Amino acid sequence: MSKLFRAVILGPPGSGKGTISERVASSFGLQHLSSGDFLRENIAAKTEAGVLAKAYIEKGALVPDDLMTRLIIPRLEQMTRHSWLLDGFPRTLAQAKALNSICELDMVISLNIPLETLKDRLRHRWIHPASGRVYNMRFNPPQVQGVDDISGEPLIQHEEDKPEALVARLRHYKDMAKPIIDLYRAKGILHMFSDTETDRIWPHISSLLSSKIPTDLTDAQRATNH
């Protein structure tokens, strides 16, 4: 079987993780795994973990480590034959250690975006709560102002995306991320990218992945990953 490739992408809210992940998936045949998607699927399916997670989210609290791990790890264990890029997990050192216990990562991409850029992006971010679809009023606005393209339902702006909450939220991310970044740096698999524009970061990430992804990640495997 082809050599597998497993990577994680780290970055604060508004750093462009989703956009970069989609480009990696389409360019390199890695499956994009989003912890946010897993959460929403479990909430929609009313699984035990999903019901518990929803209660935390509705209170505006972070989903605890043990619960996030229960949601994510079994999904990864089903992916033993796939190459993937994981987005949104791990968010804490405990989650990183849980991930480490089931697989060896090949690469960690960390997006280091200036605070002013993040504040500017998040100020324009609106969300369709039921699906988790995200719009940016400057970069990818909805077809009709304030309304989700698919359902026609109203969009909301999260309290935490409002300017006064943003700085505290981004500072909290930095505090949580530091030990994870240190862990992956010590393993020699961390690659950090800094800029204000996703389009300027992307060529560097693409070039790095081209040099690191095994050439025997064949077309057949790319097909199974889509």
Protein backbone atom coordinates (compact mmCIF):
# COMPACT_ATOMS: atom_id res chain seq x y z
CA MET A 1 0.00 0.00 0.00
CA SER A 2 1.12 3.55 -0.60
CA LYS A 3 2.86 5.45 2.16
CA LEU A 4 0.30 7.56 4.03
CA PHE A 5 0.70 11.23 4.89
CA ARG A 6 -0.93 12.80 7.97
CA ALA A 7 -0.81 16.52 8.72
CA VAL A 8 -2.42 19.01 11.09
CA ILE A 9 -3.10 22.70 10.42
CA LEU A 10 -3.07 25.13 13.35
CA GLY A 11 -4.11 28.77 13.43
CA PRO A 12 -6.27 31.24 15.33
CA PRO A 13 -9.88 32.02 14.36
CA GLY A 14 -9.88 33.88 11.05
CA SER A 15 -6.42 32.68 10.00
CA GLY A 16 -7.68 30.96 6.82
CA LYS A 17 -7.30 27.34 7.98
CA GLY A 18 -10.42 26.24 6.11
CA THR A 19 -9.37 27.91 2.85
CA ILE A 20 -5.83 26.48 3.00
CA SER A 21 -7.19 23.03 3.94
CA GLU A 22 -9.51 22.96 0.93
CA ARG A 23 -6.63 23.91 -1.38
CA VAL A 24 -4.43 21.18 0.12
CA ALA A 25 -7.23 18.63 -0.32
CA SER A 26 -7.80 19.50 -3.97
CA SER A 27 -4.12 19.89 -4.90
CA PHE A 28 -2.58 16.96 -3.05
CA GLY A 29 -5.38 14.43 -2.59
CA LEU A 30 -5.37 14.58 1.21
CA GLN A 31 -8.74 14.25 2.87
CA HIS A 32 -9.69 17.46 4.73
CA LEU A 33 -10.96 16.50 8.18
CA SER A 34 -12.57 19.37 10.09
CA SER A 35 -13.24 19.06 13.82
CA GLY A 36 -16.04 21.63 13.35
CA ASP A 37 -17.71 19.39 10.76
CA PHE A 38 -17.43 16.37 13.08
CA LEU A 39 -18.99 18.42 15.88
CA ARG A 40 -21.87 19.58 13.70
CA GLU A 41 -22.50 16.04 12.38
CA ASN A 42 -22.69 14.67 15.94
CA ILE A 43 -24.97 17.50 17.05
CA ALA A 44 -27.25 16.97 14.03
CA ALA A 45 -27.33 13.18 14.61
CA LYS A 46 -28.02 13.76 18.34
CA THR A 47 -25.30 11.32 19.38
CA GLU A 48 -24.55 11.25 23.11
CA ALA A 49 -21.32 13.22 22.57
CA GLY A 50 -23.13 15.61 20.21
CA VAL A 51 -25.85 16.39 22.78
CA LEU A 52 -23.21 17.04 25.45
CA ALA A 53 -21.13 19.20 23.09
CA LYS A 54 -24.17 21.26 22.06
CA ALA A 55 -24.83 22.15 25.71
CA TYR A 56 -21.32 23.60 26.05
CA ILE A 57 -21.50 25.47 22.73
CA GLU A 58 -24.88 27.01 23.60
CA LYS A 59 -23.39 28.35 26.84
CA GLY A 60 -20.51 29.84 24.84
CA ALA A 61 -18.06 27.48 26.56
CA LEU A 62 -15.28 25.44 24.97
CA VAL A 63 -16.04 21.76 24.48
CA PRO A 64 -13.86 19.95 27.09
CA ASP A 65 -10.82 17.93 26.02
CA ASP A 66 -12.23 14.51 26.87
CA LEU A 67 -15.41 15.18 24.90
CA MET A 68 -13.57 16.55 21.83
CA THR A 69 -11.27 13.53 21.96
CA ARG A 70 -14.29 11.19 22.09
CA LEU A 71 -15.68 12.91 18.99
CA ILE A 72 -12.48 13.02 16.93
CA ILE A 73 -10.30 10.02 17.77
CA PRO A 74 -12.78 7.27 16.69
CA ARG A 75 -13.18 9.03 13.32
CA LEU A 76 -9.42 9.09 12.83
CA GLU A 77 -9.20 5.43 13.78
CA GLN A 78 -11.57 4.69 10.88
CA MET A 79 -9.17 6.49 8.51
CA THR A 80 -6.28 4.04 8.77
CA ARG A 81 -5.98 3.73 4.99
CA HIS A 82 -6.26 7.44 4.17
CA SER A 83 -3.92 10.38 4.03
CA TRP A 84 -5.47 13.41 5.69
CA LEU A 85 -5.14 17.01 6.86
CA LEU A 86 -6.81 17.68 10.21
CA ASP A 87 -8.15 21.19 10.88
CA GLY A 88 -9.37 22.45 14.29
CA PHE A 89 -7.85 19.69 16.42
CA PRO A 90 -5.79 19.55 18.59
CA ARG A 91 -6.56 22.80 20.40
CA THR A 92 -4.93 21.88 23.71
CA LEU A 93 -1.89 19.91 24.82
CA ALA A 94 -4.13 17.14 26.17
CA GLN A 95 -5.77 16.80 22.73
CA ALA A 96 -2.34 16.77 21.05
CA LYS A 97 -1.23 13.94 23.34
CA ALA A 98 -4.41 11.96 22.59
CA LEU A 99 -3.76 12.39 18.86
CA ASN A 100 -0.14 11.37 19.33
CA SER A 101 -1.25 8.13 20.98
CA ILE A 102 -3.03 6.88 17.84
CA CYS A 103 -0.88 8.16 14.96
CA GLU A 104 2.44 9.66 14.00
CA LEU A 105 2.06 13.02 12.26
CA ASP A 106 4.24 13.83 9.26
CA MET A 107 3.76 17.59 9.34
CA VAL A 108 2.17 20.43 11.31
CA ILE A 109 1.38 23.67 9.46
CA SER A 110 0.96 26.69 11.74
CA LEU A 111 -0.54 29.93 10.39
CA ASN A 112 0.85 32.99 12.15
CA ILE A 113 -1.36 35.91 11.09
CA PRO A 114 -1.02 39.46 12.54
CA LEU A 115 -3.60 40.43 15.15
CA GLU A 116 -4.89 43.41 13.15
CA THR A 117 -5.51 41.18 10.10
CA LEU A 118 -7.45 38.66 12.21
CA LYS A 119 -9.55 41.39 13.81
CA ASP A 120 -10.34 42.82 10.39
CA ARG A 121 -11.33 39.43 8.93
CA LEU A 122 -13.47 38.36 11.88
CA ARG A 123 -15.27 41.69 12.03
CA HIS A 124 -16.74 40.83 8.60
CA ARG A 125 -17.56 37.19 9.41
CA TRP A 126 -21.18 36.01 9.52
CA ILE A 127 -22.39 32.45 10.10
CA HIS A 128 -25.40 30.29 9.28
CA PRO A 129 -25.84 28.64 12.70
CA ALA A 130 -27.66 25.48 11.57
CA SER A 131 -25.04 24.37 9.02
CA GLY A 132 -21.93 26.18 10.23
CA ARG A 133 -21.47 27.81 6.80
CA VAL A 134 -19.25 30.89 7.12
CA TYR A 135 -19.38 34.04 5.00
CA ASN A 136 -17.05 36.99 4.92
CA MET A 137 -18.80 40.17 3.82
CA ARG A 138 -15.64 41.28 1.97
CA PHE A 139 -14.18 38.06 0.51
CA ASN A 140 -17.13 35.66 0.04
CA PRO A 141 -20.39 37.46 0.81
CA PRO A 142 -23.76 35.69 0.52
CA GLN A 143 -25.74 36.20 -2.69
CA VAL A 144 -28.36 38.10 -0.68
CA GLN A 145 -27.14 40.36 2.13
CA GLY A 146 -27.62 38.72 5.56
CA VAL A 147 -29.14 35.48 4.20
CA ASP A 148 -27.67 31.98 3.78
CA ASP A 149 -27.28 30.99 0.09
CA ILE A 150 -28.68 27.47 0.50
CA SER A 151 -31.39 27.64 3.18
CA GLY A 152 -32.45 31.29 2.85
CA GLU A 153 -32.25 31.56 6.66
CA PRO A 154 -30.77 34.63 8.37
CA LEU A 155 -27.07 34.83 9.15
CA ILE A 156 -25.76 35.81 12.57
CA GLN A 157 -22.54 37.28 13.87
CA HIS A 158 -21.11 35.39 16.85
CA GLU A 159 -20.68 37.43 19.99
CA GLU A 160 -17.07 36.22 20.06
CA ASP A 161 -16.46 37.69 16.56
CA LYS A 162 -17.48 41.16 17.72
CA PRO A 163 -14.48 43.47 18.20
CA GLU A 164 -14.66 43.75 21.99
CA ALA A 165 -14.56 39.95 22.47
CA LEU A 166 -11.97 39.31 19.77
CA VAL A 167 -8.78 40.36 21.48
CA ALA A 168 -9.49 38.18 24.53
CA ARG A 169 -10.41 35.26 22.27
CA LEU A 170 -7.24 35.56 20.20
CA ARG A 171 -5.09 35.93 23.31
CA HIS A 172 -6.70 32.77 24.72
CA TYR A 173 -5.92 30.92 21.48
CA LYS A 174 -2.28 32.00 21.71
CA ASP A 175 -1.99 30.76 25.31
CA MET A 176 -3.54 27.39 24.42
CA ALA A 177 -1.53 26.98 21.22
CA LYS A 178 1.92 27.74 22.63
CA PRO A 179 2.55 24.33 24.31
CA ILE A 180 1.22 22.50 21.21
CA ILE A 181 3.50 24.50 18.92
CA ASP A 182 6.43 23.82 21.28
CA LEU A 183 5.63 20.09 21.25
CA TYR A 184 5.57 19.86 17.45
CA ARG A 185 8.62 22.08 17.09
CA ALA A 186 10.54 19.70 19.39
CA LYS A 187 9.46 16.80 17.15
CA GLY A 188 10.87 18.64 14.14
CA ILE A 189 7.59 18.59 12.17
CA LEU A 190 6.40 22.19 12.69
CA HIS A 191 6.35 24.60 9.73
CA MET A 192 5.19 28.14 10.49
CA PHE A 193 3.89 30.57 7.84
CA SER A 194 3.38 34.28 8.45
CA ASP A 195 1.62 36.82 6.21
CA THR A 196 -1.54 38.88 5.97
CA GLU A 197 -2.91 37.18 2.82
CA THR A 198 -3.84 33.54 2.27
CA ASP A 199 -2.89 33.88 -1.41
CA ARG A 200 0.65 34.86 -0.41
CA ILE A 201 1.01 32.02 2.13
CA TRP A 202 -0.38 29.34 -0.17
CA PRO A 203 2.56 29.06 -2.66
CA HIS A 204 4.95 28.42 0.26
CA ILE A 205 2.70 25.72 1.74
CA SER A 206 2.18 24.17 -1.70
CA SER A 207 5.91 24.08 -2.33
CA LEU A 208 6.59 22.51 1.08
CA LEU A 209 3.95 19.81 0.56
CA SER A 210 5.26 19.05 -2.93
CA SER A 211 8.65 18.27 -1.38
CA LYS A 212 7.28 16.23 1.55
CA ILE A 213 4.35 14.18 0.28
CA PRO A 214 5.59 10.79 -0.85
CA THR A 215 5.50 10.32 -4.60
CA ASP A 216 3.81 6.98 -4.05
CA LEU A 217 0.69 8.76 -2.81
CA THR A 218 -0.68 7.47 -6.08
CA ASP A 219 -3.57 8.58 -8.26
CA ALA A 220 -5.49 5.56 -7.00
CA GLN A 221 -5.09 6.69 -3.43
CA ARG A 222 -5.95 10.27 -4.31
CA ALA A 223 -9.16 8.92 -5.79
CA THR A 224 -10.03 7.06 -2.57
CA ASN A 225 -9.40 10.21 -0.57
CA HIS A 226 -11.95 12.26 -2.50
